C-alpha atoms as a PDB file:
ATOM      1  CA  MET A   1      79.688  25.103 -42.733  1.00  0.00           C
ATOM      2  CA  ASP A   2      81.918  24.453 -39.767  1.00  0.00           C
ATOM      3  CA  THR A   3      83.465  21.213 -41.305  1.00  0.00           C
ATOM      4  CA  ASP A   4      86.755  21.186 -39.678  1.00  0.00           C
ATOM      5  CA  ARG A   5      85.536  21.514 -36.034  1.00  0.00           C
ATOM      6  CA  PRO A   6      87.399  18.915 -34.102  1.00  0.00           C
ATOM      7  CA  ALA A   7      85.132  16.148 -32.622  1.00  0.00           C
ATOM      8  CA  ALA A   8      84.477  15.832 -28.875  1.00  0.00           C
ATOM      9  CA  ALA A   9      82.865  12.983 -26.942  1.00  0.00           C
ATOM     10  CA  ASP A  10      80.716  15.649 -25.168  1.00  0.00           C
ATOM     11  CA  PRO A  11      79.462  18.348 -27.472  1.00  0.00           C
ATOM     12  CA  LEU A  12      79.817  20.986 -24.757  1.00  0.00           C
ATOM     13  CA  ASP A  13      83.485  20.483 -25.199  1.00  0.00           C
ATOM     14  CA  SER A  14      83.415  20.727 -28.941  1.00  0.00           C
ATOM     15  CA  GLU A  15      85.217  23.967 -30.370  1.00  0.00           C
ATOM     16  CA  VAL A  16      82.964  26.616 -32.057  1.00  0.00           C
ATOM     17  CA  GLU A  17      84.362  29.538 -33.536  1.00  0.00           C
ATOM     18  CA  PHE A  18      83.820  32.746 -31.530  1.00  0.00           C
ATOM     19  CA  LEU A  19      82.885  30.636 -28.437  1.00  0.00           C
ATOM     20  CA  THR A  20      85.771  31.866 -26.132  1.00  0.00           C
ATOM     21  CA  PRO A  21      86.525  29.776 -22.778  1.00  0.00           C
ATOM     22  CA  GLU A  22      85.501  32.724 -20.970  1.00  0.00           C
ATOM     23  CA  LEU A  23      81.958  32.937 -22.878  1.00  0.00           C
ATOM     24  CA  ARG A  24      81.731  29.246 -22.592  1.00  0.00           C
ATOM     25  CA  SER A  25      81.959  29.259 -18.897  1.00  0.00           C
ATOM     26  CA  ASP A  26      79.458  32.099 -18.567  1.00  0.00           C
ATOM     27  CA  LEU A  27      76.984  30.496 -20.735  1.00  0.00           C
ATOM     28  CA  LEU A  28      77.213  27.140 -18.872  1.00  0.00           C
ATOM     29  CA  GLU A  29      76.651  29.008 -15.452  1.00  0.00           C
ATOM     30  CA  ARG A  30      73.594  30.299 -17.025  1.00  0.00           C
ATOM     31  CA  TRP A  31      72.443  26.911 -18.288  1.00  0.00           C
ATOM     32  CA  ASN A  32      72.848  25.548 -14.789  1.00  0.00           C
ATOM     33  CA  GLU A  33      70.827  28.219 -12.900  1.00  0.00           C
ATOM     34  CA  PRO A  34      68.681  26.789 -10.278  1.00  0.00           C
ATOM     35  CA  GLN A  35      65.232  27.763 -11.918  1.00  0.00           C
ATOM     36  CA  ARG A  36      65.867  25.460 -14.740  1.00  0.00           C
ATOM     37  CA  ARG A  37      64.668  21.881 -14.911  1.00  0.00           C
ATOM     38  CA  TYR A  38      64.408  21.308 -18.490  1.00  0.00           C
ATOM     39  CA  HIS A  39      66.133  24.198 -20.182  1.00  0.00           C
ATOM     40  CA  ASN A  40      69.623  23.329 -18.517  1.00  0.00           C
ATOM     41  CA  GLU A  41      72.940  21.825 -19.527  1.00  0.00           C
ATOM     42  CA  THR A  42      71.277  18.401 -20.180  1.00  0.00           C
ATOM     43  CA  HIS A  43      68.964  20.302 -22.902  1.00  0.00           C
ATOM     44  CA  LEU A  44      71.969  22.259 -24.470  1.00  0.00           C
ATOM     45  CA  ARG A  45      73.765  19.181 -24.739  1.00  0.00           C
ATOM     46  CA  ALA A  46      71.121  17.367 -26.393  1.00  0.00           C
ATOM     47  CA  VAL A  47      70.321  20.236 -28.958  1.00  0.00           C
ATOM     48  CA  LEU A  48      74.074  20.078 -29.871  1.00  0.00           C
ATOM     49  CA  ARG A  49      74.043  16.498 -30.347  1.00  0.00           C
ATOM     50  CA  ALA A  50      71.106  16.711 -32.605  1.00  0.00           C
ATOM     51  CA  VAL A  51      72.767  19.439 -34.688  1.00  0.00           C
ATOM     52  CA  ASP A  52      75.716  17.031 -35.046  1.00  0.00           C
ATOM     53  CA  ALA A  53      73.284  14.316 -36.064  1.00  0.00           C
ATOM     54  CA  LEU A  54      71.567  16.515 -38.633  1.00  0.00           C
ATOM     55  CA  GLU A  55      74.987  17.561 -40.082  1.00  0.00           C
ATOM     56  CA  ALA A  56      76.239  13.900 -40.410  1.00  0.00           C
ATOM     57  CA  ASP A  57      73.031  12.997 -42.263  1.00  0.00           C
ATOM     58  CA  GLY A  58      73.788  15.452 -44.915  1.00  0.00           C
ATOM     59  CA  GLU A  59      71.982  18.704 -44.016  1.00  0.00           C
ATOM     60  CA  ALA A  60      73.645  21.966 -45.307  1.00  0.00           C
ATOM     61  CA  PHE A  61      73.760  24.886 -42.949  1.00  0.00           C
ATOM     62  CA  ASP A  62      76.027  27.385 -41.236  1.00  0.00           C
ATOM     63  CA  GLY A  63      77.675  25.256 -38.402  1.00  0.00           C
ATOM     64  CA  THR A  64      79.086  28.179 -36.692  1.00  0.00           C
ATOM     65  CA  ALA A  65      75.958  30.417 -36.435  1.00  0.00           C
ATOM     66  CA  VAL A  66      73.600  27.272 -35.655  1.00  0.00           C
ATOM     67  CA  ARG A  67      75.882  25.949 -32.865  1.00  0.00           C
ATOM     68  CA  LEU A  68      76.379  29.512 -31.465  1.00  0.00           C
ATOM     69  CA  ALA A  69      72.629  29.975 -31.553  1.00  0.00           C
ATOM     70  CA  ALA A  70      72.279  26.692 -29.637  1.00  0.00           C
ATOM     71  CA  TRP A  71      74.649  28.015 -26.870  1.00  0.00           C
ATOM     72  CA  PHE A  72      72.687  31.243 -26.801  1.00  0.00           C
ATOM     73  CA  HIS A  73      68.906  30.296 -27.407  1.00  0.00           C
ATOM     74  CA  THR A  74      67.842  30.409 -23.713  1.00  0.00           C
ATOM     75  CA  ALA A  75      70.856  32.195 -22.116  1.00  0.00           C
ATOM     76  CA  VAL A  76      68.280  34.264 -20.310  1.00  0.00           C
ATOM     77  CA  PHE A  77      65.655  32.065 -18.872  1.00  0.00           C
ATOM     78  CA  ASP A  78      62.964  33.025 -16.372  1.00  0.00           C
ATOM     79  CA  PRO A  79      60.004  30.582 -16.477  1.00  0.00           C
ATOM     80  CA  THR A  80      57.651  33.247 -15.166  1.00  0.00           C
ATOM     81  CA  GLU A  81      58.459  35.542 -18.238  1.00  0.00           C
ATOM     82  CA  SER A  82      57.491  35.469 -21.900  1.00  0.00           C
ATOM     83  CA  GLU A  83      60.383  37.374 -23.377  1.00  0.00           C
ATOM     84  CA  ASN A  84      63.249  34.990 -22.811  1.00  0.00           C
ATOM     85  CA  ASN A  85      64.100  34.513 -26.627  1.00  0.00           C
ATOM     86  CA  ASP A  86      64.154  38.249 -27.045  1.00  0.00           C
ATOM     87  CA  LYS A  87      66.330  38.756 -23.948  1.00  0.00           C
ATOM     88  CA  SER A  88      68.517  36.117 -24.952  1.00  0.00           C
ATOM     89  CA  ALA A  89      68.974  37.385 -28.381  1.00  0.00           C
ATOM     90  CA  ALA A  90      69.892  40.827 -26.858  1.00  0.00           C
ATOM     91  CA  PHE A  91      72.308  39.201 -24.708  1.00  0.00           C
ATOM     92  CA  THR A  92      73.818  37.550 -27.696  1.00  0.00           C
ATOM     93  CA  GLU A  93      74.420  40.851 -29.408  1.00  0.00           C
ATOM     94  CA  LYS A  94      76.192  42.213 -26.517  1.00  0.00           C
ATOM     95  CA  ALA A  95      78.283  39.106 -25.697  1.00  0.00           C
ATOM     96  CA  LEU A  96      79.596  38.000 -29.219  1.00  0.00           C
ATOM     97  CA  ASP A  97      82.597  39.187 -30.766  1.00  0.00           C
ATOM     98  CA  PRO A  98      81.530  41.694 -33.602  1.00  0.00           C
ATOM     99  CA  ALA A  99      83.457  39.502 -35.882  1.00  0.00           C
ATOM    100  CA  ALA A 100      81.021  36.789 -35.395  1.00  0.00           C
ATOM    101  CA  PRO A 101      77.815  36.369 -37.238  1.00  0.00           C
ATOM    102  CA  VAL A 102      76.027  38.061 -34.625  1.00  0.00           C
ATOM    103  CA  ASP A 103      72.924  39.290 -36.593  1.00  0.00           C
ATOM    104  CA  GLU A 104      72.310  35.665 -37.841  1.00  0.00           C
ATOM    105  CA  VAL A 105      72.833  34.121 -34.359  1.00  0.00           C
ATOM    106  CA  ALA A 106      70.571  36.655 -32.748  1.00  0.00           C
ATOM    107  CA  ARG A 107      68.015  35.978 -35.472  1.00  0.00           C
ATOM    108  CA  LEU A 108      68.020  32.317 -34.872  1.00  0.00           C
ATOM    109  CA  VAL A 109      67.655  32.891 -30.989  1.00  0.00           C
ATOM    110  CA  ARG A 110      64.738  34.935 -31.626  1.00  0.00           C
ATOM    111  CA  LEU A 111      63.164  32.157 -33.994  1.00  0.00           C
ATOM    112  CA  MET A 112      63.292  29.691 -31.297  1.00  0.00           C
ATOM    113  CA  GLY A 113      60.425  31.494 -29.485  1.00  0.00           C
ATOM    114  CA  GLY A 114      57.871  30.065 -31.902  1.00  0.00           C
ATOM    115  CA  HIS A 115      59.809  27.827 -34.057  1.00  0.00           C
ATOM    116  CA  ARG A 116      58.038  29.600 -37.140  1.00  0.00           C
ATOM    117  CA  VAL A 117      60.626  28.770 -39.832  1.00  0.00           C
ATOM    118  CA  GLU A 118      60.242  30.087 -43.395  1.00  0.00           C
ATOM    119  CA  ALA A 119      60.768  27.805 -46.468  1.00  0.00           C
ATOM    120  CA  GLY A 120      64.311  27.974 -47.496  1.00  0.00           C
ATOM    121  CA  ASP A 121      65.655  28.902 -43.898  1.00  0.00           C
ATOM    122  CA  LEU A 122      68.348  26.123 -43.627  1.00  0.00           C
ATOM    123  CA  ASN A 123      69.823  27.424 -40.445  1.00  0.00           C
ATOM    124  CA  GLY A 124      66.371  28.009 -38.708  1.00  0.00           C
ATOM    125  CA  ALA A 125      65.409  24.603 -39.870  1.00  0.00           C
ATOM    126  CA  VAL A 126      68.327  22.762 -38.422  1.00  0.00           C
ATOM    127  CA  LEU A 127      68.230  24.637 -35.083  1.00  0.00           C
ATOM    128  CA  SER A 128      64.428  24.294 -34.931  1.00  0.00           C
ATOM    129  CA  ASP A 129      64.672  20.588 -35.464  1.00  0.00           C
ATOM    130  CA  ALA A 130      67.417  20.021 -33.075  1.00  0.00           C
ATOM    131  CA  ASP A 131      65.490  21.992 -30.251  1.00  0.00           C
ATOM    132  CA  LEU A 132      62.344  19.684 -30.811  1.00  0.00           C
ATOM    133  CA  ALA A 133      64.349  16.481 -31.386  1.00  0.00           C
ATOM    134  CA  VAL A 134      63.306  15.577 -27.826  1.00  0.00           C
ATOM    135  CA  LEU A 135      59.690  15.122 -29.220  1.00  0.00           C
ATOM    136  CA  GLY A 136      60.969  12.147 -31.134  1.00  0.00           C
ATOM    137  CA  SER A 137      62.865  10.595 -28.179  1.00  0.00           C
ATOM    138  CA  ASP A 138      61.921   7.321 -26.588  1.00  0.00           C
ATOM    139  CA  PRO A 139      58.924   7.291 -24.402  1.00  0.00           C
ATOM    140  CA  GLU A 140      60.870   7.396 -21.129  1.00  0.00           C
ATOM    141  CA  THR A 141      62.882  10.258 -22.288  1.00  0.00           C
ATOM    142  CA  TYR A 142      59.698  12.013 -23.532  1.00  0.00           C
ATOM    143  CA  ASP A 143      58.058  11.602 -20.280  1.00  0.00           C
ATOM    144  CA  THR A 144      61.058  12.984 -18.424  1.00  0.00           C
ATOM    145  CA  TYR A 145      60.991  15.876 -20.611  1.00  0.00           C
ATOM    146  CA  THR A 146      57.290  16.686 -20.002  1.00  0.00           C
ATOM    147  CA  HIS A 147      57.752  16.219 -16.262  1.00  0.00           C
ATOM    148  CA  ASP A 148      60.613  18.661 -16.137  1.00  0.00           C
ATOM    149  CA  VAL A 149      58.690  21.180 -18.221  1.00  0.00           C
ATOM    150  CA  ARG A 150      55.771  20.970 -15.614  1.00  0.00           C
ATOM    151  CA  HIS A 151      58.298  21.591 -12.852  1.00  0.00           C
ATOM    152  CA  GLU A 152      59.698  24.634 -14.611  1.00  0.00           C
ATOM    153  CA  PHE A 153      56.271  26.050 -14.900  1.00  0.00           C
ATOM    154  CA  ALA A 154      55.005  25.028 -11.537  1.00  0.00           C
ATOM    155  CA  HIS A 155      53.777  28.563 -10.932  1.00  0.00           C
ATOM    156  CA  VAL A 156      51.260  28.095 -13.636  1.00  0.00           C
ATOM    157  CA  PRO A 157      47.780  26.760 -12.169  1.00  0.00           C
ATOM    158  CA  GLY A 158      46.967  23.171 -13.302  1.00  0.00           C
ATOM    159  CA  GLU A 159      43.932  23.970 -15.656  1.00  0.00           C
ATOM    160  CA  ARG A 160      45.771  26.703 -17.301  1.00  0.00           C
ATOM    161  CA  PHE A 161      48.809  24.774 -17.955  1.00  0.00           C
ATOM    162  CA  VAL A 162      46.960  21.806 -19.232  1.00  0.00           C
ATOM    163  CA  ALA A 163      45.041  24.106 -21.757  1.00  0.00           C
ATOM    164  CA  GLY A 164      48.082  25.639 -22.959  1.00  0.00           C
ATOM    165  CA  ARG A 165      49.836  22.252 -23.318  1.00  0.00           C
ATOM    166  CA  ILE A 166      46.966  20.803 -25.142  1.00  0.00           C
ATOM    167  CA  ALA A 167      47.081  23.744 -27.540  1.00  0.00           C
ATOM    168  CA  SER A 168      50.586  23.369 -28.059  1.00  0.00           C
ATOM    169  CA  LEU A 169      50.532  19.625 -28.956  1.00  0.00           C
ATOM    170  CA  GLU A 170      47.604  20.187 -31.305  1.00  0.00           C
ATOM    171  CA  GLY A 171      49.438  23.015 -33.057  1.00  0.00           C
ATOM    172  CA  LEU A 172      52.365  20.731 -33.611  1.00  0.00           C
ATOM    173  CA  LEU A 173      50.362  17.823 -34.706  1.00  0.00           C
ATOM    174  CA  GLU A 174      48.358  19.918 -37.252  1.00  0.00           C
ATOM    175  CA  ARG A 175      51.538  20.929 -39.013  1.00  0.00           C
ATOM    176  CA  LYS A 176      52.424  19.142 -42.244  1.00  0.00           C
ATOM    177  CA  SER A 177      55.323  17.626 -40.252  1.00  0.00           C
ATOM    178  CA  VAL A 178      56.880  18.593 -37.002  1.00  0.00           C
ATOM    179  CA  PHE A 179      60.394  18.637 -38.332  1.00  0.00           C
ATOM    180  CA  ARG A 180      61.490  20.930 -41.089  1.00  0.00           C
ATOM    181  CA  THR A 181      64.496  19.076 -42.466  1.00  0.00           C
ATOM    182  CA  ARG A 182      64.413  15.913 -44.393  1.00  0.00           C
ATOM    183  CA  ALA A 183      66.964  14.344 -41.903  1.00  0.00           C
ATOM    184  CA  GLY A 184      64.795  15.324 -38.776  1.00  0.00           C
ATOM    185  CA  ARG A 185      61.699  13.895 -40.443  1.00  0.00           C
ATOM    186  CA  ASP A 186      63.530  10.537 -41.137  1.00  0.00           C
ATOM    187  CA  ALA A 187      64.885  10.292 -37.573  1.00  0.00           C
ATOM    188  CA  TRP A 188      62.301  11.535 -35.381  1.00  0.00           C
ATOM    189  CA  GLU A 189      58.865  12.318 -37.021  1.00  0.00           C
ATOM    190  CA  LYS A 190      57.054   8.923 -36.519  1.00  0.00           C
ATOM    191  CA  GLN A 191      58.058   8.640 -32.773  1.00  0.00           C
ATOM    192  CA  ALA A 192      57.165  12.379 -32.293  1.00  0.00           C
ATOM    193  CA  HIS A 193      53.621  11.771 -33.543  1.00  0.00           C
ATOM    194  CA  ALA A 194      53.299   8.747 -31.210  1.00  0.00           C
ATOM    195  CA  ASN A 195      54.640  10.598 -28.197  1.00  0.00           C
ATOM    196  CA  LEU A 196      52.525  13.712 -28.830  1.00  0.00           C
ATOM    197  CA  ASN A 197      49.266  11.862 -29.377  1.00  0.00           C
ATOM    198  CA  ARG A 198      50.021   9.797 -26.305  1.00  0.00           C
ATOM    199  CA  GLU A 199      50.498  12.851 -23.965  1.00  0.00           C
ATOM    200  CA  LEU A 200      47.557  14.526 -25.775  1.00  0.00           C
ATOM    201  CA  GLY A 201      45.268  11.566 -24.906  1.00  0.00           C
ATOM    202  CA  LEU A 202      46.459  11.490 -21.272  1.00  0.00           C
ATOM    203  CA  LEU A 203      45.855  15.338 -20.866  1.00  0.00           C
ATOM    204  CA  ARG A 204      42.332  14.918 -22.389  1.00  0.00           C
ATOM    205  CA  ALA A 205      41.473  12.111 -20.203  1.00  0.00           C
ATOM    206  CA  GLY A 206      42.510  13.869 -17.265  1.00  0.00           C
ATOM    207  CA  ILE A 207      40.104  16.778 -17.984  1.00  0.00           C
ATOM    208  CA  ALA A 208      37.350  14.130 -18.533  1.00  0.00           C
ATOM    209  CA  GLU A 209      37.970  12.495 -15.110  1.00  0.00           C
ATOM    210  CA  GLY A 210      37.914  15.960 -13.725  1.00  0.00           C
ATOM    211  CA  GLU A 211      34.529  16.832 -15.222  1.00  0.00           C
ATOM    212  CA  ASP A 212      33.108  13.376 -14.337  1.00  0.00           C
ATOM    213  CA  ALA A 213      34.203  13.850 -10.703  1.00  0.00           C
ATOM    214  CA  GLY A 214      32.583  17.389 -10.667  1.00  0.00           C
END
């Protein structure tokens, strides 16, 4: 674990082993590209803060690998493409110092494509929970998240977007729990279910209204 990492008011300023100033600058440029509305610097900051919160609450994991993976997990992002995580992992493998835990960081980056975390994968569980922590945020923050996601995928026709979104929400709610870590469940599970069910109800109501109008 990266227990000696100096604290910083902004997690984007926190020192992470192998994250050189040049690499940090390059990644921040990527996170601030114009096509990003949700997957931007604000999201990166939130993920890093969630990693810190999970660590502070006693979760054990490789802090260096997980934080590097947070920085890289959508280093390549085109909302019209479906291979962003694979491309981000490939970029990770080229950009990171070979002395870094490159294979593990790239694995974690790929894992975020579907959040399919196997039992016993502590690093994957922490990164997945940190990435999904927005689901357990207050309703206003959650609504901003859903608005920003829709903006990023504005090229997707409304009916197709709603169908995909409903499937995604139902998949999350069908899990035994949204979050994989004990700390994540304690902090975010209850509010996540409230947010997900509320959005799901609104989406279904919108479909029903459309059918009635037709």
